[in-house]
PDB file of N, CA and C in Angstrom:
ATOM      1  N   UNK A   1     189.741 111.591  37.918  1.00  0.00           N
ATOM      2  CA  UNK A   1     190.551 112.124  39.002  1.00  0.00           C
ATOM      3  C   UNK A   1     189.650 112.627  40.125  1.00  0.00           C
ATOM      4  N   UNK A   2     190.114 112.401  41.324  1.00  0.00           N
ATOM      5  CA  UNK A   2     189.390 112.897  42.495  1.00  0.00           C
ATOM      6  C   UNK A   2     189.938 114.269  42.870  1.00  0.00           C
ATOM      7  N   UNK A   3     189.184 114.961  43.717  1.00  0.00           N
ATOM      8  CA  UNK A   3     189.657 116.221  44.284  1.00  0.00           C
ATOM      9  C   UNK A   3     189.846 116.018  45.784  1.00  0.00           C
ATOM     10  N   UNK A   4     190.892 116.634  46.312  1.00  0.00           N
ATOM     11  CA  UNK A   4     191.179 116.576  47.734  1.00  0.00           C
ATOM     12  C   UNK A   4     191.409 117.988  48.257  1.00  0.00           C
ATOM     13  N   UNK A   5     191.015 118.216  49.488  1.00  0.00           N
ATOM     14  CA  UNK A   5     191.378 119.442  50.186  1.00  0.00           C
ATOM     15  C   UNK A   5     192.518 119.074  51.128  1.00  0.00           C
ATOM     16  N   UNK A   6     193.636 119.770  50.997  1.00  0.00           N
ATOM     17  CA  UNK A   6     194.788 119.554  51.862  1.00  0.00           C
ATOM     18  C   UNK A   6     194.837 120.728  52.833  1.00  0.00           C
ATOM     19  N   UNK A   7     194.744 120.429  54.123  1.00  0.00           N
ATOM     20  CA  UNK A   7     194.787 121.470  55.160  1.00  0.00           C
ATOM     21  C   UNK A   7     196.032 121.226  56.000  1.00  0.00           C
ATOM     22  N   UNK A   8     196.810 122.276  56.183  1.00  0.00           N
ATOM     23  CA  UNK A   8     198.074 122.179  56.890  1.00  0.00           C
ATOM     24  C   UNK A   8     198.126 123.261  57.967  1.00  0.00           C
ATOM     25  N   UNK A   9     198.364 122.897  59.220  1.00  0.00           N
ATOM     26  CA  UNK A   9     198.514 123.884  60.294  1.00  0.00           C
ATOM     27  C   UNK A   9     199.775 123.563  61.071  1.00  0.00           C
ATOM     28  N   UNK A  10     200.335 124.599  61.706  1.00  0.00           N
ATOM     29  CA  UNK A  10     201.524 124.368  62.530  1.00  0.00           C
ATOM     30  C   UNK A  10     201.411 125.071  63.869  1.00  0.00           C
ATOM     31  N   UNK A  11     202.417 124.872  64.706  1.00  0.00           N
ATOM     32  CA  UNK A  11     202.368 125.409  66.070  1.00  0.00           C
ATOM     33  C   UNK A  11     202.547 126.924  66.115  1.00  0.00           C
ATOM     34  N   UNK A  12     202.887 127.550  64.989  1.00  0.00           N
ATOM     35  CA  UNK A  12     203.022 129.008  64.938  1.00  0.00           C
ATOM     36  C   UNK A  12     201.725 129.674  64.478  1.00  0.00           C
ATOM     37  N   UNK A  13     200.689 128.868  64.250  1.00  0.00           N
ATOM     38  CA  UNK A  13     199.409 129.418  63.831  1.00  0.00           C
ATOM     39  C   UNK A  13     199.266 129.589  62.336  1.00  0.00           C
ATOM     40  N   UNK A  14     200.276 129.165  61.572  1.00  0.00           N
ATOM     41  CA  UNK A  14     200.177 129.267  60.123  1.00  0.00           C
ATOM     42  C   UNK A  14     199.273 128.160  59.604  1.00  0.00           C
ATOM     43  N   UNK A  15     198.394 128.527  58.662  1.00  0.00           N
ATOM     44  CA  UNK A  15     197.458 127.577  58.072  1.00  0.00           C
ATOM     45  C   UNK A  15     197.497 127.724  56.564  1.00  0.00           C
ATOM     46  N   UNK A  16     197.332 126.600  55.874  1.00  0.00           N
ATOM     47  CA  UNK A  16     197.187 126.666  54.424  1.00  0.00           C
ATOM     48  C   UNK A  16     196.158 125.637  53.995  1.00  0.00           C
ATOM     49  N   UNK A  17     195.424 125.991  52.943  1.00  0.00           N
ATOM     50  CA  UNK A  17     194.427 125.114  52.342  1.00  0.00           C
ATOM     51  C   UNK A  17     194.717 125.068  50.854  1.00  0.00           C
ATOM     52  N   UNK A  18     194.573 123.902  50.290  1.00  0.00           N
ATOM     53  CA  UNK A  18     194.768 123.789  48.853  1.00  0.00           C
ATOM     54  C   UNK A  18     193.832 122.698  48.328  1.00  0.00           C
ATOM     55  N   UNK A  19     193.156 122.973  47.235  1.00  0.00           N
ATOM     56  CA  UNK A  19     192.346 121.969  46.562  1.00  0.00           C
ATOM     57  C   UNK A  19     193.199 121.424  45.423  1.00  0.00           C
ATOM     58  N   UNK A  20     193.365 120.094  45.389  1.00  0.00           N
ATOM     59  CA  UNK A  20     194.222 119.463  44.397  1.00  0.00           C
ATOM     60  C   UNK A  20     193.458 118.328  43.714  1.00  0.00           C
ATOM     61  N   UNK A  21     193.928 117.957  42.534  1.00  0.00           N
ATOM     62  CA  UNK A  21     193.387 116.801  41.824  1.00  0.00           C
ATOM     63  C   UNK A  21     194.408 115.677  41.923  1.00  0.00           C
ATOM     64  N   UNK A  22     193.884 114.462  42.115  1.00  0.00           N
ATOM     65  CA  UNK A  22     194.792 113.333  42.217  1.00  0.00           C
ATOM     66  C   UNK A  22     194.065 112.023  42.282  1.00  0.00           C
ATOM     67  N   UNK A  23     194.771 111.017  42.752  1.00  0.00           N
ATOM     68  CA  UNK A  23     194.206 109.675  42.839  1.00  0.00           C
ATOM     69  C   UNK A  23     194.332 109.145  44.264  1.00  0.00           C
ATOM     70  N   UNK A  24     193.458 108.223  44.579  1.00  0.00           N
ATOM     71  CA  UNK A  24     193.503 107.516  45.853  1.00  0.00           C
ATOM     72  C   UNK A  24     193.337 106.045  45.540  1.00  0.00           C
ATOM     73  N   UNK A  25     194.289 105.253  46.017  1.00  0.00           N
ATOM     74  CA  UNK A  25     194.145 103.814  45.870  1.00  0.00           C
ATOM     75  C   UNK A  25     194.417 103.149  47.213  1.00  0.00           C
ATOM     76  N   UNK A  26     193.773 102.028  47.411  1.00  0.00           N
ATOM     77  CA  UNK A  26     193.929 101.283  48.660  1.00  0.00           C
ATOM     78  C   UNK A  26     194.606  99.962  48.325  1.00  0.00           C
ATOM     79  N   UNK A  27     195.727  99.708  49.011  1.00  0.00           N
ATOM     80  CA  UNK A  27     196.470  98.461  48.841  1.00  0.00           C
ATOM     81  C   UNK A  27     196.684  97.862  50.218  1.00  0.00           C
ATOM     82  N   UNK A  28     196.147  96.675  50.418  1.00  0.00           N
ATOM     83  CA  UNK A  28     196.213  96.001  51.714  1.00  0.00           C
ATOM     84  C   UNK A  28     195.689  96.943  52.788  1.00  0.00           C
ATOM     85  N   UNK A  29     196.498  97.330  53.759  1.00  0.00           N
ATOM     86  CA  UNK A  29     196.005  98.199  54.838  1.00  0.00           C
ATOM     87  C   UNK A  29     196.479  99.644  54.667  1.00  0.00           C
ATOM     88  N   UNK A  30     196.852 100.018  53.437  1.00  0.00           N
ATOM     89  CA  UNK A  30     197.360 101.364  53.174  1.00  0.00           C
ATOM     90  C   UNK A  30     196.458 102.119  52.215  1.00  0.00           C
ATOM     91  N   UNK A  31     196.342 103.430  52.465  1.00  0.00           N
ATOM     92  CA  UNK A  31     195.703 104.341  51.518  1.00  0.00           C
ATOM     93  C   UNK A  31     196.822 105.178  50.911  1.00  0.00           C
ATOM     94  N   UNK A  32     196.861 105.266  49.577  1.00  0.00           N
ATOM     95  CA  UNK A  32     197.938 105.993  48.891  1.00  0.00           C
ATOM     96  C   UNK A  32     197.317 107.121  48.080  1.00  0.00           C
ATOM     97  N   UNK A  33     197.635 108.356  48.484  1.00  0.00           N
ATOM     98  CA  UNK A  33     197.170 109.559  47.796  1.00  0.00           C
ATOM     99  C   UNK A  33     198.298 110.047  46.898  1.00  0.00           C
ATOM    100  N   UNK A  34     197.972 110.377  45.654  1.00  0.00           N
ATOM    101  CA  UNK A  34     198.938 110.996  44.751  1.00  0.00           C
ATOM    102  C   UNK A  34     198.292 112.242  44.167  1.00  0.00           C
ATOM    103  N   UNK A  35     199.009 113.360  44.229  1.00  0.00           N
ATOM    104  CA  UNK A  35     198.451 114.612  43.725  1.00  0.00           C
ATOM    105  C   UNK A  35     199.566 115.607  43.429  1.00  0.00           C
ATOM    106  N   UNK A  36     199.217 116.608  42.642  1.00  0.00           N
ATOM    107  CA  UNK A  36     200.122 117.702  42.299  1.00  0.00           C
ATOM    108  C   UNK A  36     199.686 118.913  43.121  1.00  0.00           C
ATOM    109  N   UNK A  37     200.614 119.505  43.887  1.00  0.00           N
ATOM    110  CA  UNK A  37     200.284 120.679  44.687  1.00  0.00           C
ATOM    111  C   UNK A  37     201.245 121.804  44.354  1.00  0.00           C
ATOM    112  N   UNK A  38     201.069 122.933  45.020  1.00  0.00           N
ATOM    113  CA  UNK A  38     201.972 124.064  44.796  1.00  0.00           C
ATOM    114  C   UNK A  38     203.396 123.734  45.244  1.00  0.00           C
ATOM    115  N   UNK A  39     203.550 122.688  46.076  1.00  0.00           N
ATOM    116  CA  UNK A  39     204.870 122.274  46.549  1.00  0.00           C
ATOM    117  C   UNK A  39     205.530 121.254  45.635  1.00  0.00           C
ATOM    118  N   UNK A  40     204.759 120.699  44.692  1.00  0.00           N
ATOM    119  CA  UNK A  40     205.315 119.707  43.772  1.00  0.00           C
ATOM    120  C   UNK A  40     204.435 118.473  43.684  1.00  0.00           C
ATOM    121  N   UNK A  41     205.002 117.419  43.141  1.00  0.00           N
ATOM    122  CA  UNK A  41     204.290 116.139  43.017  1.00  0.00           C
ATOM    123  C   UNK A  41     204.402 115.394  44.337  1.00  0.00           C
ATOM    124  N   UNK A  42     203.260 115.037  44.917  1.00  0.00           N
ATOM    125  CA  UNK A  42     203.240 114.441  46.252  1.00  0.00           C
ATOM    126  C   UNK A  42     202.614 113.055  46.237  1.00  0.00           C
ATOM    127  N   UNK A  43     203.167 112.200  47.086  1.00  0.00           N
ATOM    128  CA  UNK A  43     202.568 110.901  47.361  1.00  0.00           C
ATOM    129  C   UNK A  43     202.532 110.745  48.875  1.00  0.00           C
ATOM    130  N   UNK A  44     201.364 110.439  49.406  1.00  0.00           N
ATOM    131  CA  UNK A  44     201.183 110.264  50.845  1.00  0.00           C
ATOM    132  C   UNK A  44     200.638 108.855  51.061  1.00  0.00           C
ATOM    133  N   UNK A  45     201.422 108.039  51.747  1.00  0.00           N
ATOM    134  CA  UNK A  45     201.035 106.656  52.040  1.00  0.00           C
ATOM    135  C   UNK A  45     200.674 106.569  53.513  1.00  0.00           C
ATOM    136  N   UNK A  46     199.432 106.144  53.796  1.00  0.00           N
ATOM    137  CA  UNK A  46     198.912 106.146  55.162  1.00  0.00           C
ATOM    138  C   UNK A  46     198.565 104.726  55.591  1.00  0.00           C
ATOM    139  N   UNK A  47     199.117 104.326  56.736  1.00  0.00           N
ATOM    140  CA  UNK A  47     198.698 103.074  57.374  1.00  0.00           C
ATOM    141  C   UNK A  47     198.337 103.408  58.822  1.00  0.00           C
ATOM    142  N   UNK A  48     198.003 102.419  59.604  1.00  0.00           N
ATOM    143  CA  UNK A  48     197.534 102.690  60.974  1.00  0.00           C
ATOM    144  C   UNK A  48     198.579 103.351  61.859  1.00  0.00           C
ATOM    145  N   UNK A  49     199.866 103.015  61.682  1.00  0.00           N
ATOM    146  CA  UNK A  49     200.905 103.501  62.593  1.00  0.00           C
ATOM    147  C   UNK A  49     201.976 104.338  61.901  1.00  0.00           C
ATOM    148  N   UNK A  50     201.790 104.601  60.577  1.00  0.00           N
ATOM    149  CA  UNK A  50     202.851 105.290  59.839  1.00  0.00           C
ATOM    150  C   UNK A  50     202.284 106.039  58.636  1.00  0.00           C
ATOM    151  N   UNK A  51     202.873 107.219  58.371  1.00  0.00           N
ATOM    152  CA  UNK A  51     202.561 107.997  57.175  1.00  0.00           C
ATOM    153  C   UNK A  51     203.889 108.375  56.524  1.00  0.00           C
ATOM    154  N   UNK A  52     203.999 108.134  55.232  1.00  0.00           N
ATOM    155  CA  UNK A  52     205.205 108.546  54.500  1.00  0.00           C
ATOM    156  C   UNK A  52     204.784 109.566  53.453  1.00  0.00           C
ATOM    157  N   UNK A  53     205.396 110.753  53.533  1.00  0.00           N
ATOM    158  CA  UNK A  53     205.124 111.832  52.588  1.00  0.00           C
ATOM    159  C   UNK A  53     206.337 111.938  51.673  1.00  0.00           C
ATOM    160  N   UNK A  54     206.113 111.796  50.381  1.00  0.00           N
ATOM    161  CA  UNK A  54     207.190 111.927  49.406  1.00  0.00           C
ATOM    162  C   UNK A  54     206.820 113.069  48.469  1.00  0.00           C
ATOM    163  N   UNK A  55     207.705 114.064  48.397  1.00  0.00           N
ATOM    164  CA  UNK A  55     207.414 115.237  47.565  1.00  0.00           C
ATOM    165  C   UNK A  55     208.589 115.491  46.632  1.00  0.00           C
ATOM    166  N   UNK A  56     208.268 115.683  45.341  1.00  0.00           N
ATOM    167  CA  UNK A  56     209.275 116.023  44.347  1.00  0.00           C
ATOM    168  C   UNK A  56     208.907 117.378  43.776  1.00  0.00           C
ATOM    169  N   UNK A  57     209.800 118.339  43.923  1.00  0.00           N
ATOM    170  CA  UNK A  57     209.536 119.687  43.434  1.00  0.00           C
ATOM    171  C   UNK A  57     210.732 120.571  43.704  1.00  0.00           C
ATOM    172  N   UNK A  58     210.475 121.862  43.857  1.00  0.00           N
ATOM    173  CA  UNK A  58     211.564 122.798  44.132  1.00  0.00           C
ATOM    174  C   UNK A  58     212.300 122.415  45.416  1.00  0.00           C
ATOM    175  N   UNK A  59     211.533 122.017  46.431  1.00  0.00           N
ATOM    176  CA  UNK A  59     212.121 121.480  47.664  1.00  0.00           C
ATOM    177  C   UNK A  59     211.595 120.052  47.809  1.00  0.00           C
ATOM    178  N   UNK A  60     212.394 119.083  47.356  1.00  0.00           N
ATOM    179  CA  UNK A  60     211.990 117.683  47.447  1.00  0.00           C
ATOM    180  C   UNK A  60     212.236 117.178  48.857  1.00  0.00           C
ATOM    181  N   UNK A  61     211.391 116.237  49.302  1.00  0.00           N
ATOM    182  CA  UNK A  61     211.532 115.744  50.672  1.00  0.00           C
ATOM    183  C   UNK A  61     210.828 114.403  50.818  1.00  0.00           C
ATOM    184  N   UNK A  62     211.318 113.632  51.781  1.00  0.00           N
ATOM    185  CA  UNK A  62     210.624 112.438  52.235  1.00  0.00           C
ATOM    186  C   UNK A  62     210.511 112.564  53.746  1.00  0.00           C
ATOM    187  N   UNK A  63     209.271 112.593  54.242  1.00  0.00           N
ATOM    188  CA  UNK A  63     209.007 112.707  55.677  1.00  0.00           C
ATOM    189  C   UNK A  63     208.345 111.406  56.122  1.00  0.00           C
ATOM    190  N   UNK A  64     208.980 110.729  57.066  1.00  0.00           N
ATOM    191  CA  UNK A  64     208.494 109.454  57.586  1.00  0.00           C
ATOM    192  C   UNK A  64     207.928 109.691  58.983  1.00  0.00           C
ATOM    193  N   UNK A  65     206.604 109.693  59.092  1.00  0.00           N
ATOM    194  CA  UNK A  65     205.924 109.923  60.368  1.00  0.00           C
ATOM    195  C   UNK A  65     205.554 108.552  60.936  1.00  0.00           C
ATOM    196  N   UNK A  66     206.273 108.140  61.963  1.00  0.00           N
ATOM    197  CA  UNK A  66     206.085 106.812  62.549  1.00  0.00           C
ATOM    198  C   UNK A  66     205.677 106.993  64.009  1.00  0.00           C
ATOM    199  N   UNK A  67     204.581 106.377  64.415  1.00  0.00           N
ATOM    200  CA  UNK A  67     204.111 106.526  65.792  1.00  0.00           C
ATOM    201  C   UNK A  67     204.944 105.722  66.791  1.00  0.00           C
ATOM    202  N   UNK A  68     205.771 104.797  66.292  1.00  0.00           N
ATOM    203  CA  UNK A  68     206.508 103.913  67.181  1.00  0.00           C
ATOM    204  C   UNK A  68     207.979 104.276  67.363  1.00  0.00           C
ATOM    205  N   UNK A  69     208.485 105.217  66.563  1.00  0.00           N
ATOM    206  CA  UNK A  69     209.902 105.593  66.702  1.00  0.00           C
ATOM    207  C   UNK A  69     210.159 106.957  66.063  1.00  0.00           C
ATOM    208  N   UNK A  70     211.237 107.612  66.499  1.00  0.00           N
ATOM    209  CA  UNK A  70     211.660 108.858  65.862  1.00  0.00           C
ATOM    210  C   UNK A  70     212.361 108.517  64.552  1.00  0.00           C
ATOM    211  N   UNK A  71     212.154 109.358  63.562  1.00  0.00           N
ATOM    212  CA  UNK A  71     212.793 109.152  62.265  1.00  0.00           C
ATOM    213  C   UNK A  71     213.590 110.395  61.894  1.00  0.00           C
ATOM    214  N   UNK A  72     214.452 110.257  60.900  1.00  0.00           N
ATOM    215  CA  UNK A  72     215.261 111.383  60.426  1.00  0.00           C
ATOM    216  C   UNK A  72     214.636 111.985  59.179  1.00  0.00           C
ATOM    217  N   UNK A  73     214.859 113.274  59.021  1.00  0.00           N
ATOM    218  CA  UNK A  73     214.345 114.019  57.886  1.00  0.00           C
ATOM    219  C   UNK A  73     215.428 115.003  57.471  1.00  0.00           C
ATOM    220  N   UNK A  74     215.884 114.899  56.232  1.00  0.00           N
ATOM    221  CA  UNK A  74     216.903 115.818  55.722  1.00  0.00           C
ATOM    222  C   UNK A  74     216.205 116.850  54.848  1.00  0.00           C
ATOM    223  N   UNK A  75     216.326 118.116  55.236  1.00  0.00           N
ATOM    224  CA  UNK A  75     215.721 119.227  54.507  1.00  0.00           C
ATOM    225  C   UNK A  75     216.806 119.831  53.611  1.00  0.00           C
ATOM    226  N   UNK A  76     216.580 119.813  52.314  1.00  0.00           N
ATOM    227  CA  UNK A  76     217.591 120.275  51.366  1.00  0.00           C
ATOM    228  C   UNK A  76     216.992 121.351  50.467  1.00  0.00           C
ATOM    229  N   UNK A  77     217.651 122.508  50.439  1.00  0.00           N
ATOM    230  CA  UNK A  77     217.318 123.560  49.481  1.00  0.00           C
ATOM    231  C   UNK A  77     218.611 123.941  48.771  1.00  0.00           C
ATOM    232  N   UNK A  78     218.533 124.908  47.878  1.00  0.00           N
ATOM    233  CA  UNK A  78     219.743 125.384  47.202  1.00  0.00           C
ATOM    234  C   UNK A  78     220.722 125.992  48.199  1.00  0.00           C
ATOM    235  N   UNK A  79     220.180 126.586  49.271  1.00  0.00           N
ATOM    236  CA  UNK A  79     221.006 127.305  50.238  1.00  0.00           C
ATOM    237  C   UNK A  79     221.511 126.449  51.392  1.00  0.00           C
ATOM    238  N   UNK A  80     220.812 125.352  51.714  1.00  0.00           N
ATOM    239  CA  UNK A  80     221.200 124.606  52.906  1.00  0.00           C
ATOM    240  C   UNK A  80     220.792 123.140  52.841  1.00  0.00           C
ATOM    241  N   UNK A  81     221.401 122.382  53.733  1.00  0.00           N
ATOM    242  CA  UNK A  81     221.045 120.973  53.943  1.00  0.00           C
ATOM    243  C   UNK A  81     221.095 120.766  55.448  1.00  0.00           C
ATOM    244  N   UNK A  82     219.982 120.317  56.034  1.00  0.00           N
ATOM    245  CA  UNK A  82     219.898 120.219  57.485  1.00  0.00           C
ATOM    246  C   UNK A  82     219.177 118.952  57.903  1.00  0.00           C
ATOM    247  N   UNK A  83     219.655 118.327  58.981  1.00  0.00           N
ATOM    248  CA  UNK A  83     219.051 117.106  59.505  1.00  0.00           C
ATOM    249  C   UNK A  83     218.120 117.441  60.665  1.00  0.00           C
ATOM    250  N   UNK A  84     216.904 116.910  60.589  1.00  0.00           N
ATOM    251  CA  UNK A  84     215.916 117.065  61.654  1.00  0.00           C
ATOM    252  C   UNK A  84     215.420 115.680  62.047  1.00  0.00           C
ATOM    253  N   UNK A  85     214.718 115.613  63.164  1.00  0.00           N
ATOM    254  CA  UNK A  85     214.075 114.369  63.588  1.00  0.00           C
ATOM    255  C   UNK A  85     212.567 114.593  63.653  1.00  0.00           C
ATOM    256  N   UNK A  86     211.838 113.545  63.334  1.00  0.00           N
ATOM    257  CA  UNK A  86     210.381 113.582  63.307  1.00  0.00           C
ATOM    258  C   UNK A  86     209.857 112.619  64.368  1.00  0.00           C
ATOM    259  N   UNK A  87     208.898 113.100  65.159  1.00  0.00           N
ATOM    260  CA  UNK A  87     208.224 112.247  66.132  1.00  0.00           C
ATOM    261  C   UNK A  87     206.731 112.259  65.819  1.00  0.00           C
ATOM    262  N   UNK A  88     206.210 111.113  65.417  1.00  0.00           N
ATOM    263  CA  UNK A  88     204.786 111.012  65.098  1.00  0.00           C
ATOM    264  C   UNK A  88     203.938 111.144  66.340  1.00  0.00           C
ATOM    265  N   UNK A  89     202.841 111.872  66.243  1.00  0.00           N
ATOM    266  CA  UNK A  89     201.923 112.062  67.382  1.00  0.00           C
ATOM    267  C   UNK A  89     200.624 111.298  67.214  1.00  0.00           C
ATOM    268  N   UNK A  90     199.973 111.452  66.054  1.00  0.00           N
ATOM    269  CA  UNK A  90     198.698 110.768  65.866  1.00  0.00           C
ATOM    270  C   UNK A  90     198.418 110.562  64.387  1.00  0.00           C
ATOM    271  N   UNK A  91     197.633 109.511  64.120  1.00  0.00           N
ATOM    272  CA  UNK A  91     197.129 109.238  62.781  1.00  0.00           C
ATOM    273  C   UNK A  91     195.669 108.829  62.964  1.00  0.00           C
ATOM    274  N   UNK A  92     194.778 109.570  62.308  1.00  0.00           N
ATOM    275  CA  UNK A  92     193.351 109.277  62.414  1.00  0.00           C
ATOM    276  C   UNK A  92     192.780 109.101  61.018  1.00  0.00           C
ATOM    277  N   UNK A  93     192.011 108.032  60.845  1.00  0.00           N
ATOM    278  CA  UNK A  93     191.379 107.751  59.554  1.00  0.00           C
ATOM    279  C   UNK A  93     189.872 107.689  59.766  1.00  0.00           C
ATOM    280  N   UNK A  94     189.158 108.513  59.025  1.00  0.00           N
ATOM    281  CA  UNK A  94     187.693 108.522  59.062  1.00  0.00           C
ATOM    282  C   UNK A  94     187.209 108.133  57.659  1.00  0.00           C
ATOM    283  N   UNK A  95     187.136 106.837  57.420  1.00  0.00           N
ATOM    284  CA  UNK A  95     186.780 106.333  56.085  1.00  0.00           C
ATOM    285  C   UNK A  95     185.385 106.761  55.668  1.00  0.00           C
ATOM    286  N   UNK A  96     184.473 106.833  56.619  1.00  0.00           N
ATOM    287  CA  UNK A  96     183.085 107.194  56.323  1.00  0.00           C
ATOM    288  C   UNK A  96     182.986 108.586  55.701  1.00  0.00           C
ATOM    289  N   UNK A  97     183.800 109.537  56.187  1.00  0.00           N
ATOM    290  CA  UNK A  97     183.776 110.908  55.674  1.00  0.00           C
ATOM    291  C   UNK A  97     184.934 111.220  54.732  1.00  0.00           C
ATOM    292  N   UNK A  98     185.771 110.230  54.422  1.00  0.00           N
ATOM    293  CA  UNK A  98     186.870 110.426  53.476  1.00  0.00           C
ATOM    294  C   UNK A  98     187.944 111.369  53.984  1.00  0.00           C
ATOM    295  N   UNK A  99     188.278 111.284  55.287  1.00  0.00           N
ATOM    296  CA  UNK A  99     189.262 112.194  55.885  1.00  0.00           C
ATOM    297  C   UNK A  99     190.369 111.389  56.558  1.00  0.00           C
ATOM    298  N   UNK A 100     191.605 111.818  56.333  1.00  0.00           N
ATOM    299  CA  UNK A 100     192.709 111.348  57.167  1.00  0.00           C
ATOM    300  C   UNK A 100     193.361 112.582  57.773  1.00  0.00           C
ATOM    301  N   UNK A 101     193.861 112.425  58.986  1.00  0.00           N
ATOM    302  CA  UNK A 101     194.557 113.531  59.649  1.00  0.00           C
ATOM    303  C   UNK A 101     195.703 112.935  60.447  1.00  0.00           C
ATOM    304  N   UNK A 102     196.855 113.584  60.366  1.00  0.00           N
ATOM    305  CA  UNK A 102     198.001 113.117  61.132  1.00  0.00           C
ATOM    306  C   UNK A 102     198.812 114.318  61.607  1.00  0.00           C
ATOM    307  N   UNK A 103     199.541 114.105  62.696  1.00  0.00           N
ATOM    308  CA  UNK A 103     200.359 115.192  63.235  1.00  0.00           C
ATOM    309  C   UNK A 103     201.706 114.644  63.673  1.00  0.00           C
ATOM    310  N   UNK A 104     202.679 115.543  63.638  1.00  0.00           N
ATOM    311  CA  UNK A 104     204.038 115.168  64.038  1.00  0.00           C
ATOM    312  C   UNK A 104     204.789 116.398  64.524  1.00  0.00           C
ATOM    313  N   UNK A 105     205.846 116.132  65.308  1.00  0.00           N
ATOM    314  CA  UNK A 105     206.712 117.197  65.797  1.00  0.00           C
ATOM    315  C   UNK A 105     208.051 117.107  65.078  1.00  0.00           C
ATOM    316  N   UNK A 106     208.636 118.281  64.829  1.00  0.00           N
ATOM    317  CA  UNK A 106     209.947 118.361  64.201  1.00  0.00           C
ATOM    318  C   UNK A 106     210.942 118.840  65.253  1.00  0.00           C
ATOM    319  N   UNK A 107     212.054 118.113  65.375  1.00  0.00           N
ATOM    320  CA  UNK A 107     213.099 118.447  66.346  1.00  0.00           C
ATOM    321  C   UNK A 107     214.417 118.701  65.632  1.00  0.00           C
ATOM    322  N   UNK A 108     215.175 119.647  66.200  1.00  0.00           N
ATOM    323  CA  UNK A 108     216.576 119.815  65.836  1.00  0.00           C
ATOM    324  C   UNK A 108     217.345 119.548  67.119  1.00  0.00           C
ATOM    325  N   UNK A 109     218.055 118.431  67.158  1.00  0.00           N
ATOM    326  CA  UNK A 109     218.658 118.002  68.422  1.00  0.00           C
ATOM    327  C   UNK A 109     217.527 117.672  69.389  1.00  0.00           C
ATOM    328  N   UNK A 110     217.565 118.255  70.579  1.00  0.00           N
ATOM    329  CA  UNK A 110     216.498 118.031  71.563  1.00  0.00           C
ATOM    330  C   UNK A 110     215.443 119.126  71.558  1.00  0.00           C
ATOM    331  N   UNK A 111     215.621 120.128  70.706  1.00  0.00           N
ATOM    332  CA  UNK A 111     214.710 121.270  70.685  1.00  0.00           C
ATOM    333  C   UNK A 111     213.552 121.039  69.708  1.00  0.00           C
ATOM    334  N   UNK A 112     212.321 121.169  70.227  1.00  0.00           N
ATOM    335  CA  UNK A 112     211.147 121.067  69.370  1.00  0.00           C
ATOM    336  C   UNK A 112     211.008 122.358  68.571  1.00  0.00           C
ATOM    337  N   UNK A 113     211.021 122.233  67.241  1.00  0.00           N
ATOM    338  CA  UNK A 113     210.933 123.407  66.371  1.00  0.00           C
ATOM    339  C   UNK A 113     209.511 123.714  65.929  1.00  0.00           C
ATOM    340  N   UNK A 114     208.721 122.662  65.706  1.00  0.00           N
ATOM    341  CA  UNK A 114     207.384 122.890  65.158  1.00  0.00           C
ATOM    342  C   UNK A 114     206.540 121.633  65.352  1.00  0.00           C
ATOM    343  N   UNK A 115     205.239 121.837  65.318  1.00  0.00           N
ATOM    344  CA  UNK A 115     204.270 120.734  65.337  1.00  0.00           C
ATOM    345  C   UNK A 115     203.357 120.940  64.139  1.00  0.00           C
ATOM    346  N   UNK A 116     203.298 119.959  63.273  1.00  0.00           N
ATOM    347  CA  UNK A 116     202.552 120.041  62.024  1.00  0.00           C
ATOM    348  C   UNK A 116     201.348 119.106  62.086  1.00  0.00           C
ATOM    349  N   UNK A 117     200.196 119.589  61.629  1.00  0.00           N
ATOM    350  CA  UNK A 117     199.010 118.739  61.467  1.00  0.00           C
ATOM    351  C   UNK A 117     198.549 118.870  60.015  1.00  0.00           C
ATOM    352  N   UNK A 118     198.367 117.730  59.370  1.00  0.00           N
ATOM    353  CA  UNK A 118     197.924 117.705  57.974  1.00  0.00           C
ATOM    354  C   UNK A 118     196.650 116.882  57.885  1.00  0.00           C
ATOM    355  N   UNK A 119     195.650 117.423  57.196  1.00  0.00           N
ATOM    356  CA  UNK A 119     194.406 116.694  56.946  1.00  0.00           C
ATOM    357  C   UNK A 119     194.183 116.636  55.444  1.00  0.00           C
ATOM    358  N   UNK A 120     193.748 115.474  54.987  1.00  0.00           N
ATOM    359  CA  UNK A 120     193.397 115.284  53.571  1.00  0.00           C
ATOM    360  C   UNK A 120     191.953 114.815  53.536  1.00  0.00           C
ATOM    361  N   UNK A 121     191.114 115.548  52.794  1.00  0.00           N
ATOM    362  CA  UNK A 121     189.696 115.205  52.710  1.00  0.00           C
ATOM    363  C   UNK A 121     189.304 115.053  51.253  1.00  0.00           C
ATOM    364  N   UNK A 122     188.601 113.965  50.955  1.00  0.00           N
ATOM    365  CA  UNK A 122     188.046 113.816  49.606  1.00  0.00           C
ATOM    366  C   UNK A 122     186.990 114.886  49.405  1.00  0.00           C
ATOM    367  N   UNK A 123     187.000 115.512  48.240  1.00  0.00           N
ATOM    368  CA  UNK A 123     186.164 116.681  47.977  1.00  0.00           C
ATOM    369  C   UNK A 123     185.188 116.377  46.889  1.00  0.00           C
TER     370      UNK A 123
END
């Protein structure tokens, strides 16, 4: 198993770091990270123009970050179910240093709620 550092920042200045164990496999033009985090079991599929985050846990979610179109994201907890839209901003892959970084904005209607940046680094 490999180790990864997951770094998450948002437009409110909140930051989180987590070291996780998991796997990385490359299929065609995609890198697929699978790991267990404090948020649950995660799979992150990265290609040049799209990142899909699939999380199964207390708050399960699928976030589709696409640089070419806005996508929908349904946030479901025990207390609520809400529809948001995701607009991909950037996807950067640094294979030499084992780092991927991507960012996206979350909208409710036309209002921007947050901007998230996630970096995954092989450790």
